[in-house]
All heavy atoms as atom14 arrays in JSON, in Angstrom:
{
  "sequence": "SYNEYKFLQTNLKNQNGIAVFAVKSNITIKRKNNSISEVDLRGGSFGY",
  "atom14_mask": [
    [1, 1, 1, 1, 1, 1, 0, 0, 0, 0, 0, 0, 0, 0],
    [1, 1, 1, 1, 1, 1, 1, 1, 1, 1, 1, 1, 0, 0],
    [1, 1, 1, 1, 1, 1, 1, 1, 0, 0, 0, 0, 0, 0],
    [1, 1, 1, 1, 1, 1, 1, 1, 1, 0, 0, 0, 0, 0],
    [1, 1, 1, 1, 1, 1, 1, 1, 1, 1, 1, 1, 0, 0],
    [1, 1, 1, 1, 1, 1, 1, 1, 1, 0, 0, 0, 0, 0],
    [1, 1, 1, 1, 1, 1, 1, 1, 1, 1, 1, 0, 0, 0],
    [1, 1, 1, 1, 1, 1, 1, 1, 0, 0, 0, 0, 0, 0],
    [1, 1, 1, 1, 1, 1, 1, 1, 1, 0, 0, 0, 0, 0],
    [1, 1, 1, 1, 1, 1, 1, 0, 0, 0, 0, 0, 0, 0],
    [1, 1, 1, 1, 1, 1, 1, 1, 0, 0, 0, 0, 0, 0],
    [1, 1, 1, 1, 1, 1, 1, 1, 0, 0, 0, 0, 0, 0],
    [1, 1, 1, 1, 1, 1, 1, 1, 1, 0, 0, 0, 0, 0],
    [1, 1, 1, 1, 1, 1, 1, 1, 0, 0, 0, 0, 0, 0],
    [1, 1, 1, 1, 1, 1, 1, 1, 1, 0, 0, 0, 0, 0],
    [1, 1, 1, 1, 1, 1, 1, 1, 0, 0, 0, 0, 0, 0],
    [1, 1, 1, 1, 0, 0, 0, 0, 0, 0, 0, 0, 0, 0],
    [1, 1, 1, 1, 1, 1, 1, 1, 0, 0, 0, 0, 0, 0],
    [1, 1, 1, 1, 1, 0, 0, 0, 0, 0, 0, 0, 0, 0],
    [1, 1, 1, 1, 1, 1, 1, 0, 0, 0, 0, 0, 0, 0],
    [1, 1, 1, 1, 1, 1, 1, 1, 1, 1, 1, 0, 0, 0],
    [1, 1, 1, 1, 1, 0, 0, 0, 0, 0, 0, 0, 0, 0],
    [1, 1, 1, 1, 1, 1, 1, 0, 0, 0, 0, 0, 0, 0],
    [1, 1, 1, 1, 1, 1, 1, 1, 1, 0, 0, 0, 0, 0],
    [1, 1, 1, 1, 1, 1, 0, 0, 0, 0, 0, 0, 0, 0],
    [1, 1, 1, 1, 1, 1, 1, 1, 0, 0, 0, 0, 0, 0],
    [1, 1, 1, 1, 1, 1, 1, 1, 0, 0, 0, 0, 0, 0],
    [1, 1, 1, 1, 1, 1, 1, 0, 0, 0, 0, 0, 0, 0],
    [1, 1, 1, 1, 1, 1, 1, 1, 0, 0, 0, 0, 0, 0],
    [1, 1, 1, 1, 1, 1, 1, 1, 1, 0, 0, 0, 0, 0],
    [1, 1, 1, 1, 1, 1, 1, 1, 1, 1, 1, 0, 0, 0],
    [1, 1, 1, 1, 1, 1, 1, 1, 1, 0, 0, 0, 0, 0],
    [1, 1, 1, 1, 1, 1, 1, 1, 0, 0, 0, 0, 0, 0],
    [1, 1, 1, 1, 1, 1, 1, 1, 0, 0, 0, 0, 0, 0],
    [1, 1, 1, 1, 1, 1, 0, 0, 0, 0, 0, 0, 0, 0],
    [1, 1, 1, 1, 1, 1, 1, 1, 0, 0, 0, 0, 0, 0],
    [1, 1, 1, 1, 1, 1, 0, 0, 0, 0, 0, 0, 0, 0],
    [1, 1, 1, 1, 1, 1, 1, 1, 1, 0, 0, 0, 0, 0],
    [1, 1, 1, 1, 1, 1, 1, 0, 0, 0, 0, 0, 0, 0],
    [1, 1, 1, 1, 1, 1, 1, 1, 0, 0, 0, 0, 0, 0],
    [1, 1, 1, 1, 1, 1, 1, 1, 0, 0, 0, 0, 0, 0],
    [1, 1, 1, 1, 1, 1, 1, 1, 1, 1, 1, 0, 0, 0],
    [1, 1, 1, 1, 0, 0, 0, 0, 0, 0, 0, 0, 0, 0],
    [1, 1, 1, 1, 0, 0, 0, 0, 0, 0, 0, 0, 0, 0],
    [1, 1, 1, 1, 1, 1, 0, 0, 0, 0, 0, 0, 0, 0],
    [1, 1, 1, 1, 1, 1, 1, 1, 1, 1, 1, 0, 0, 0],
    [1, 1, 1, 1, 0, 0, 0, 0, 0, 0, 0, 0, 0, 0],
    [1, 1, 1, 1, 1, 1, 1, 1, 1, 1, 1, 1, 0, 0]
  ],
  "atom14_positions": [
    [[119.53, 87.1, 93.38], [120.53, 87.49, 94.39], [119.96, 87.35, 95.81], [118.75, 87.22, 96.01], [120.97, 88.94, 94.16], [119.9, 89.84, 94.4], [0.0, 0.0, 0.0], [0.0, 0.0, 0.0], [0.0, 0.0, 0.0], [0.0, 0.0, 0.0], [0.0, 0.0, 0.0], [0.0, 0.0, 0.0], [0.0, 0.0, 0.0], [0.0, 0.0, 0.0]],
    [[120.86, 87.45, 96.76], [120.46, 87.38, 98.17], [119.59, 88.58, 98.54], [118.63, 88.44, 99.3], [121.71, 87.33, 99.05], [121.43, 87.14, 100.52], [121.08, 85.89, 101.02], [121.51, 88.22, 101.4], [120.82, 85.72, 102.37], [121.26, 88.05, 102.75], [120.9, 86.8, 103.23], [120.64, 86.64, 104.57], [0.0, 0.0, 0.0], [0.0, 0.0, 0.0]],
    [[119.92, 89.75, 98.0], [119.13, 90.95, 98.29], [117.71, 90.81, 97.75], [116.74, 91.26, 98.38], [119.8, 92.19, 97.69], [121.06, 92.58, 98.43], [121.21, 92.27, 99.62], [121.99, 93.25, 97.75], [0.0, 0.0, 0.0], [0.0, 0.0, 0.0], [0.0, 0.0, 0.0], [0.0, 0.0, 0.0], [0.0, 0.0, 0.0], [0.0, 0.0, 0.0]],
    [[117.57, 90.19, 96.57], [116.24, 89.97, 96.02], [115.46, 88.98, 96.87], [114.24, 89.13, 97.05], [116.36, 89.47, 94.58], [116.83, 90.55, 93.61], [117.16, 90.03, 92.23], [117.3, 88.79, 92.09], [117.28, 90.84, 91.3], [0.0, 0.0, 0.0], [0.0, 0.0, 0.0], [0.0, 0.0, 0.0], [0.0, 0.0, 0.0], [0.0, 0.0, 0.0]],
    [[116.14, 87.98, 97.39], [115.5, 87.03, 98.31], [114.96, 87.75, 99.53], [113.8, 87.54, 99.93], [116.5, 85.94, 98.7], [116.25, 85.31, 100.05], [115.16, 84.49, 100.28], [117.13, 85.56, 101.11], [114.94, 83.91, 101.52], [116.92, 85.0, 102.35], [115.83, 84.17, 102.56], [115.62, 83.62, 103.8], [0.0, 0.0, 0.0], [0.0, 0.0, 0.0]],
    [[115.78, 88.63, 100.13], [115.34, 89.38, 101.32], [114.17, 90.3, 100.99], [113.23, 90.44, 101.77], [116.51, 90.19, 101.86], [117.57, 89.36, 102.56], [116.96, 88.59, 103.7], [117.73, 88.65, 104.96], [117.12, 87.85, 106.04], [0.0, 0.0, 0.0], [0.0, 0.0, 0.0], [0.0, 0.0, 0.0], [0.0, 0.0, 0.0], [0.0, 0.0, 0.0]],
    [[114.23, 90.91, 99.79], [113.16, 91.81, 99.36], [111.84, 91.05, 99.21], [110.78, 91.49, 99.67], [113.56, 92.48, 98.04], [112.51, 93.37, 97.46], [112.26, 94.63, 97.99], [111.74, 92.95, 96.36], [111.29, 95.46, 97.43], [110.77, 93.76, 95.82], [110.54, 95.03, 96.35], [0.0, 0.0, 0.0], [0.0, 0.0, 0.0], [0.0, 0.0, 0.0]],
    [[111.9, 89.88, 98.56], [110.69, 89.07, 98.38], [110.19, 88.53, 99.71], [108.98, 88.47, 99.96], [110.98, 87.92, 97.41], [111.24, 88.29, 95.96], [111.64, 87.05, 95.15], [110.01, 88.93, 95.32], [0.0, 0.0, 0.0], [0.0, 0.0, 0.0], [0.0, 0.0, 0.0], [0.0, 0.0, 0.0], [0.0, 0.0, 0.0], [0.0, 0.0, 0.0]],
    [[111.1, 88.14, 100.57], [110.73, 87.61, 101.89], [109.95, 88.65, 102.68], [108.98, 88.33, 103.38], [111.97, 87.18, 102.64], [111.69, 86.51, 103.99], [112.96, 86.17, 104.73], [113.91, 86.97, 104.76], [113.02, 84.97, 105.28], [0.0, 0.0, 0.0], [0.0, 0.0, 0.0], [0.0, 0.0, 0.0], [0.0, 0.0, 0.0], [0.0, 0.0, 0.0]],
    [[110.34, 89.91, 102.55], [109.7, 90.98, 103.3], [108.36, 91.38, 102.71], [107.41, 91.69, 103.44], [110.62, 92.23, 103.33], [111.87, 91.87, 103.92], [110.0, 93.36, 104.14], [0.0, 0.0, 0.0], [0.0, 0.0, 0.0], [0.0, 0.0, 0.0], [0.0, 0.0, 0.0], [0.0, 0.0, 0.0], [0.0, 0.0, 0.0], [0.0, 0.0, 0.0]],
    [[108.23, 91.34, 101.38], [107.06, 91.93, 100.72], [106.01, 90.95, 100.21], [104.88, 91.34, 99.96], [107.53, 92.81, 99.55], [108.33, 94.02, 100.01], [107.78, 95.0, 100.48], [109.65, 93.93, 99.88], [0.0, 0.0, 0.0], [0.0, 0.0, 0.0], [0.0, 0.0, 0.0], [0.0, 0.0, 0.0], [0.0, 0.0, 0.0], [0.0, 0.0, 0.0]],
    [[106.38, 89.69, 100.03], [105.4, 88.72, 99.52], [104.33, 88.43, 100.57], [104.64, 88.14, 101.72], [106.08, 87.42, 99.11], [106.78, 87.4, 97.75], [107.49, 86.07, 97.54], [105.78, 87.63, 96.62], [0.0, 0.0, 0.0], [0.0, 0.0, 0.0], [0.0, 0.0, 0.0], [0.0, 0.0, 0.0], [0.0, 0.0, 0.0], [0.0, 0.0, 0.0]],
    [[103.06, 88.47, 100.15], [101.96, 88.22, 101.08], [101.37, 86.81, 100.92], [100.77, 86.29, 101.86], [100.85, 89.27, 100.84], [101.3, 90.7, 101.15], [100.18, 91.68, 100.87], [100.64, 93.11, 101.16], [99.58, 94.11, 100.86], [0.0, 0.0, 0.0], [0.0, 0.0, 0.0], [0.0, 0.0, 0.0], [0.0, 0.0, 0.0], [0.0, 0.0, 0.0]],
    [[101.52, 86.23, 99.73], [100.87, 84.94, 99.47], [101.82, 83.75, 99.58], [101.49, 82.66, 99.14], [100.25, 84.95, 98.06], [99.1, 85.92, 97.94], [98.18, 85.91, 98.77], [99.14, 86.77, 96.93], [0.0, 0.0, 0.0], [0.0, 0.0, 0.0], [0.0, 0.0, 0.0], [0.0, 0.0, 0.0], [0.0, 0.0, 0.0], [0.0, 0.0, 0.0]],
    [[103.0, 83.95, 100.13], [103.97, 82.86, 100.22], [103.78, 82.05, 101.49], [103.37, 82.55, 102.52], [105.4, 83.41, 100.13], [105.75, 84.47, 101.17], [106.52, 83.91, 102.35], [106.7, 82.7, 102.48], [106.95, 84.78, 103.24], [0.0, 0.0, 0.0], [0.0, 0.0, 0.0], [0.0, 0.0, 0.0], [0.0, 0.0, 0.0], [0.0, 0.0, 0.0]],
    [[104.12, 80.76, 101.37], [104.01, 79.82, 102.49], [105.39, 79.27, 102.85], [105.5, 78.22, 103.46], [103.06, 78.69, 102.1], [102.66, 77.84, 103.29], [102.63, 78.31, 104.42], [102.38, 76.58, 103.05], [0.0, 0.0, 0.0], [0.0, 0.0, 0.0], [0.0, 0.0, 0.0], [0.0, 0.0, 0.0], [0.0, 0.0, 0.0], [0.0, 0.0, 0.0]],
    [[106.42, 79.97, 102.45], [107.8, 79.55, 102.68], [108.67, 80.08, 101.57], [108.26, 80.08, 100.41], [0.0, 0.0, 0.0], [0.0, 0.0, 0.0], [0.0, 0.0, 0.0], [0.0, 0.0, 0.0], [0.0, 0.0, 0.0], [0.0, 0.0, 0.0], [0.0, 0.0, 0.0], [0.0, 0.0, 0.0], [0.0, 0.0, 0.0], [0.0, 0.0, 0.0]],
    [[109.87, 80.55, 101.91], [110.76, 81.11, 100.9], [112.2, 80.82, 101.29], [112.54, 80.81, 102.49], [110.52, 82.63, 100.72], [111.42, 83.2, 99.6], [110.73, 83.38, 102.02], [111.06, 84.61, 99.21], [0.0, 0.0, 0.0], [0.0, 0.0, 0.0], [0.0, 0.0, 0.0], [0.0, 0.0, 0.0], [0.0, 0.0, 0.0], [0.0, 0.0, 0.0]],
    [[113.05, 80.57, 100.29], [114.45, 80.28, 100.56], [115.28, 80.66, 99.35], [114.81, 80.63, 98.22], [114.65, 78.81, 100.9], [0.0, 0.0, 0.0], [0.0, 0.0, 0.0], [0.0, 0.0, 0.0], [0.0, 0.0, 0.0], [0.0, 0.0, 0.0], [0.0, 0.0, 0.0], [0.0, 0.0, 0.0], [0.0, 0.0, 0.0], [0.0, 0.0, 0.0]],
    [[116.53, 81.04, 99.61], [117.51, 81.21, 98.54], [118.51, 80.07, 98.66], [118.84, 79.64, 99.76], [118.2, 82.59, 98.64], [118.96, 82.75, 99.94], [119.13, 82.82, 97.44], [0.0, 0.0, 0.0], [0.0, 0.0, 0.0], [0.0, 0.0, 0.0], [0.0, 0.0, 0.0], [0.0, 0.0, 0.0], [0.0, 0.0, 0.0], [0.0, 0.0, 0.0]],
    [[118.96, 79.57, 97.52], [119.87, 78.44, 97.56], [120.78, 78.47, 96.34], [120.49, 79.13, 95.32], [119.11, 77.11, 97.62], [118.22, 76.87, 96.43], [118.68, 76.14, 95.34], [116.93, 77.37, 96.4], [117.86, 75.93, 94.24], [116.11, 77.16, 95.3], [116.57, 76.44, 94.23], [0.0, 0.0, 0.0], [0.0, 0.0, 0.0], [0.0, 0.0, 0.0]],
    [[121.89, 77.76, 96.44], [122.83, 77.62, 95.32], [123.47, 76.25, 95.43], [123.51, 75.64, 96.51], [123.88, 78.71, 95.36], [0.0, 0.0, 0.0], [0.0, 0.0, 0.0], [0.0, 0.0, 0.0], [0.0, 0.0, 0.0], [0.0, 0.0, 0.0], [0.0, 0.0, 0.0], [0.0, 0.0, 0.0], [0.0, 0.0, 0.0], [0.0, 0.0, 0.0]],
    [[123.96, 75.75, 94.29], [124.52, 74.4, 94.24], [125.89, 74.43, 93.57], [126.06, 75.05, 92.52], [123.59, 73.43, 93.46], [124.17, 72.03, 93.46], [122.19, 73.42, 94.06], [0.0, 0.0, 0.0], [0.0, 0.0, 0.0], [0.0, 0.0, 0.0], [0.0, 0.0, 0.0], [0.0, 0.0, 0.0], [0.0, 0.0, 0.0], [0.0, 0.0, 0.0]],
    [[126.85, 73.77, 94.18], [128.17, 73.56, 93.59], [128.38, 72.05, 93.48], [128.36, 71.32, 94.47], [129.26, 74.18, 94.47], [130.69, 73.87, 94.03], [131.03, 74.48, 92.69], [132.5, 74.25, 92.35], [132.85, 74.73, 91.01], [0.0, 0.0, 0.0], [0.0, 0.0, 0.0], [0.0, 0.0, 0.0], [0.0, 0.0, 0.0], [0.0, 0.0, 0.0]],
    [[128.58, 71.57, 92.24], [128.71, 70.13, 92.01], [130.17, 69.7, 92.01], [131.08, 70.51, 91.85], [128.07, 69.75, 90.67], [126.7, 70.07, 90.66], [0.0, 0.0, 0.0], [0.0, 0.0, 0.0], [0.0, 0.0, 0.0], [0.0, 0.0, 0.0], [0.0, 0.0, 0.0], [0.0, 0.0, 0.0], [0.0, 0.0, 0.0], [0.0, 0.0, 0.0]],
    [[130.34, 68.4, 92.18], [131.66, 67.75, 92.05], [132.71, 68.31, 93.01], [133.85, 68.58, 92.63], [132.17, 67.87, 90.61], [131.28, 67.16, 89.62], [130.74, 66.09, 89.91], [131.09, 67.77, 88.46], [0.0, 0.0, 0.0], [0.0, 0.0, 0.0], [0.0, 0.0, 0.0], [0.0, 0.0, 0.0], [0.0, 0.0, 0.0], [0.0, 0.0, 0.0]],
    [[132.32, 68.51, 94.25], [133.31, 68.9, 95.25], [133.77, 67.65, 96.0], [133.16, 66.58, 95.89], [132.77, 69.95, 96.23], [131.76, 69.3, 97.2], [132.11, 71.11, 95.52], [131.59, 70.08, 98.46], [0.0, 0.0, 0.0], [0.0, 0.0, 0.0], [0.0, 0.0, 0.0], [0.0, 0.0, 0.0], [0.0, 0.0, 0.0], [0.0, 0.0, 0.0]],
    [[134.83, 67.8, 96.76], [135.37, 66.69, 97.55], [135.3, 67.04, 99.03], [135.64, 68.16, 99.43], [136.83, 66.4, 97.17], [136.87, 66.03, 95.79], [137.39, 65.26, 98.01], [0.0, 0.0, 0.0], [0.0, 0.0, 0.0], [0.0, 0.0, 0.0], [0.0, 0.0, 0.0], [0.0, 0.0, 0.0], [0.0, 0.0, 0.0], [0.0, 0.0, 0.0]],
    [[134.83, 66.1, 99.83], [134.76, 66.29, 101.29], [135.71, 65.28, 101.92], [135.74, 64.1, 101.55], [133.33, 66.07, 101.82], [132.35, 67.03, 101.13], [133.28, 66.29, 103.32], [130.92, 66.88, 101.6], [0.0, 0.0, 0.0], [0.0, 0.0, 0.0], [0.0, 0.0, 0.0], [0.0, 0.0, 0.0], [0.0, 0.0, 0.0], [0.0, 0.0, 0.0]],
    [[136.48, 65.76, 102.89], [137.48, 64.9, 103.53], [137.23, 64.85, 105.03], [136.7, 65.78, 105.62], [138.89, 65.44, 103.28], [139.28, 65.48, 101.81], [140.68, 66.05, 101.64], [141.08, 66.09, 100.17], [142.45, 66.65, 99.98], [0.0, 0.0, 0.0], [0.0, 0.0, 0.0], [0.0, 0.0, 0.0], [0.0, 0.0, 0.0], [0.0, 0.0, 0.0]],
    [[137.67, 63.73, 105.6], [137.66, 63.59, 107.05], [138.74, 62.59, 107.44], [138.62, 61.4, 107.14], [136.28, 63.14, 107.54], [136.08, 63.37, 109.02], [135.96, 62.07, 109.76], [136.03, 62.27, 111.2], [136.12, 61.27, 112.07], [136.18, 60.02, 111.66], [136.2, 61.52, 113.36], [0.0, 0.0, 0.0], [0.0, 0.0, 0.0], [0.0, 0.0, 0.0]],
    [[139.81, 63.09, 108.01], [140.99, 62.28, 108.31], [141.46, 61.58, 107.03], [141.77, 62.22, 106.05], [140.69, 61.28, 109.44], [140.41, 61.94, 110.77], [140.18, 60.91, 111.86], [139.92, 61.58, 113.22], [139.68, 60.59, 114.28], [0.0, 0.0, 0.0], [0.0, 0.0, 0.0], [0.0, 0.0, 0.0], [0.0, 0.0, 0.0], [0.0, 0.0, 0.0]],
    [[141.51, 60.23, 107.04], [141.98, 59.5, 105.87], [140.86, 59.15, 104.89], [141.11, 58.52, 103.86], [142.68, 58.21, 106.29], [143.95, 58.48, 107.07], [144.64, 59.47, 106.81], [144.26, 57.62, 108.03], [0.0, 0.0, 0.0], [0.0, 0.0, 0.0], [0.0, 0.0, 0.0], [0.0, 0.0, 0.0], [0.0, 0.0, 0.0], [0.0, 0.0, 0.0]],
    [[139.65, 59.53, 105.22], [138.51, 59.22, 104.37], [138.13, 60.45, 103.55], [138.18, 61.57, 104.03], [137.31, 58.78, 105.21], [137.59, 57.54, 106.03], [138.17, 56.58, 105.51], [137.22, 57.54, 107.29], [0.0, 0.0, 0.0], [0.0, 0.0, 0.0], [0.0, 0.0, 0.0], [0.0, 0.0, 0.0], [0.0, 0.0, 0.0], [0.0, 0.0, 0.0]],
    [[137.72, 60.21, 102.31], [137.25, 61.32, 101.47], [136.24, 60.77, 100.47], [136.23, 59.58, 100.16], [138.42, 61.98, 100.72], [138.98, 61.09, 99.78], [0.0, 0.0, 0.0], [0.0, 0.0, 0.0], [0.0, 0.0, 0.0], [0.0, 0.0, 0.0], [0.0, 0.0, 0.0], [0.0, 0.0, 0.0], [0.0, 0.0, 0.0], [0.0, 0.0, 0.0]],
    [[135.42, 61.65, 99.96], [134.43, 61.28, 98.95], [134.31, 62.45, 97.98], [134.25, 63.61, 98.39], [133.07, 60.92, 99.58], [132.09, 60.47, 98.49], [132.5, 62.07, 100.4], [130.82, 59.83, 99.05], [0.0, 0.0, 0.0], [0.0, 0.0, 0.0], [0.0, 0.0, 0.0], [0.0, 0.0, 0.0], [0.0, 0.0, 0.0], [0.0, 0.0, 0.0]],
    [[134.3, 62.14, 96.69], [134.23, 63.18, 95.67], [132.9, 63.14, 94.94], [132.02, 62.31, 95.24], [135.39, 63.01, 94.67], [135.37, 61.73, 94.1], [0.0, 0.0, 0.0], [0.0, 0.0, 0.0], [0.0, 0.0, 0.0], [0.0, 0.0, 0.0], [0.0, 0.0, 0.0], [0.0, 0.0, 0.0], [0.0, 0.0, 0.0], [0.0, 0.0, 0.0]],
    [[132.75, 64.02, 93.95], [131.52, 64.16, 93.17], [130.31, 64.39, 94.07], [129.23, 63.82, 93.88], [131.3, 62.93, 92.28], [132.4, 62.73, 91.24], [132.12, 61.58, 90.31], [131.05, 60.94, 90.47], [132.95, 61.32, 89.43], [0.0, 0.0, 0.0], [0.0, 0.0, 0.0], [0.0, 0.0, 0.0], [0.0, 0.0, 0.0], [0.0, 0.0, 0.0]],
    [[130.5, 65.25, 95.04], [129.43, 65.6, 95.99], [128.76, 66.89, 95.53], [129.42, 67.81, 95.05], [130.01, 65.79, 97.41], [128.94, 66.29, 98.38], [130.62, 64.48, 97.9], [0.0, 0.0, 0.0], [0.0, 0.0, 0.0], [0.0, 0.0, 0.0], [0.0, 0.0, 0.0], [0.0, 0.0, 0.0], [0.0, 0.0, 0.0], [0.0, 0.0, 0.0]],
    [[127.44, 66.94, 95.67], [126.7, 68.18, 95.44], [126.62, 68.96, 96.75], [126.02, 68.48, 97.72], [125.28, 67.89, 94.94], [125.25, 67.43, 93.5], [126.21, 67.72, 92.77], [124.27, 66.76, 93.1], [0.0, 0.0, 0.0], [0.0, 0.0, 0.0], [0.0, 0.0, 0.0], [0.0, 0.0, 0.0], [0.0, 0.0, 0.0], [0.0, 0.0, 0.0]],
    [[127.22, 70.13, 96.75], [127.18, 70.99, 97.93], [126.09, 72.02, 97.73], [126.1, 72.78, 96.75], [128.52, 71.67, 98.16], [128.58, 72.65, 99.34], [128.35, 71.92, 100.66], [129.92, 73.39, 99.36], [0.0, 0.0, 0.0], [0.0, 0.0, 0.0], [0.0, 0.0, 0.0], [0.0, 0.0, 0.0], [0.0, 0.0, 0.0], [0.0, 0.0, 0.0]],
    [[125.15, 72.06, 98.65], [124.04, 73.01, 98.57], [124.14, 74.01, 99.71], [124.34, 73.64, 100.87], [122.69, 72.29, 98.65], [122.36, 71.5, 97.39], [121.06, 70.73, 97.53], [120.63, 70.22, 96.24], [119.69, 70.77, 95.48], [119.04, 71.84, 95.92], [119.37, 70.27, 94.3], [0.0, 0.0, 0.0], [0.0, 0.0, 0.0], [0.0, 0.0, 0.0]],
    [[123.97, 75.27, 99.35], [123.86, 76.31, 100.36], [122.43, 76.78, 100.43], [121.86, 77.17, 99.4], [0.0, 0.0, 0.0], [0.0, 0.0, 0.0], [0.0, 0.0, 0.0], [0.0, 0.0, 0.0], [0.0, 0.0, 0.0], [0.0, 0.0, 0.0], [0.0, 0.0, 0.0], [0.0, 0.0, 0.0], [0.0, 0.0, 0.0], [0.0, 0.0, 0.0]],
    [[121.82, 76.72, 101.59], [120.41, 77.08, 101.72], [120.16, 78.01, 102.87], [120.83, 77.93, 103.9], [0.0, 0.0, 0.0], [0.0, 0.0, 0.0], [0.0, 0.0, 0.0], [0.0, 0.0, 0.0], [0.0, 0.0, 0.0], [0.0, 0.0, 0.0], [0.0, 0.0, 0.0], [0.0, 0.0, 0.0], [0.0, 0.0, 0.0], [0.0, 0.0, 0.0]],
    [[119.19, 78.88, 102.7], [118.81, 79.79, 103.79], [117.93, 79.05, 104.79], [117.68, 77.85, 104.66], [118.09, 81.01, 103.22], [116.91, 80.61, 102.55], [0.0, 0.0, 0.0], [0.0, 0.0, 0.0], [0.0, 0.0, 0.0], [0.0, 0.0, 0.0], [0.0, 0.0, 0.0], [0.0, 0.0, 0.0], [0.0, 0.0, 0.0], [0.0, 0.0, 0.0]],
    [[117.42, 79.77, 105.78], [116.68, 79.13, 106.87], [115.44, 78.38, 106.37], [115.08, 77.34, 106.9], [116.29, 80.17, 107.92], [115.62, 79.57, 109.12], [116.34, 78.81, 110.03], [114.25, 79.73, 109.31], [115.72, 78.25, 111.14], [113.63, 79.17, 110.41], [114.37, 78.42, 111.33], [0.0, 0.0, 0.0], [0.0, 0.0, 0.0], [0.0, 0.0, 0.0]],
    [[114.76, 78.89, 105.34], [113.53, 78.27, 104.85], [113.77, 77.15, 103.85], [112.81, 76.66, 103.25], [0.0, 0.0, 0.0], [0.0, 0.0, 0.0], [0.0, 0.0, 0.0], [0.0, 0.0, 0.0], [0.0, 0.0, 0.0], [0.0, 0.0, 0.0], [0.0, 0.0, 0.0], [0.0, 0.0, 0.0], [0.0, 0.0, 0.0], [0.0, 0.0, 0.0]],
    [[115.01, 76.72, 103.69], [115.33, 75.68, 102.7], [114.54, 74.4, 102.96], [114.04, 73.77, 102.03], [116.84, 75.4, 102.75], [117.31, 74.34, 101.79], [117.72, 74.67, 100.5], [117.38, 73.0, 102.16], [118.17, 73.7, 99.62], [117.81, 72.02, 101.28], [118.2, 72.38, 100.01], [118.64, 71.41, 99.14], [0.0, 0.0, 0.0], [0.0, 0.0, 0.0]]
  ]
}
C-alpha cells in the first residue's frame, strides 16, 4: 500500500532509492482524432 511505502521511506536506512508504483494494462489514450490502445499505464511516485 501507499502507507507502507511511506513507512518504509521514512524508516529504511540502507536504501538508495524507493518508489511505489502500479500498472494498468490495455488502456486507450486519445488526442483529437488520434488514439492508441493496448497501452501500459504506470503510476509512479517521485523515486520511480
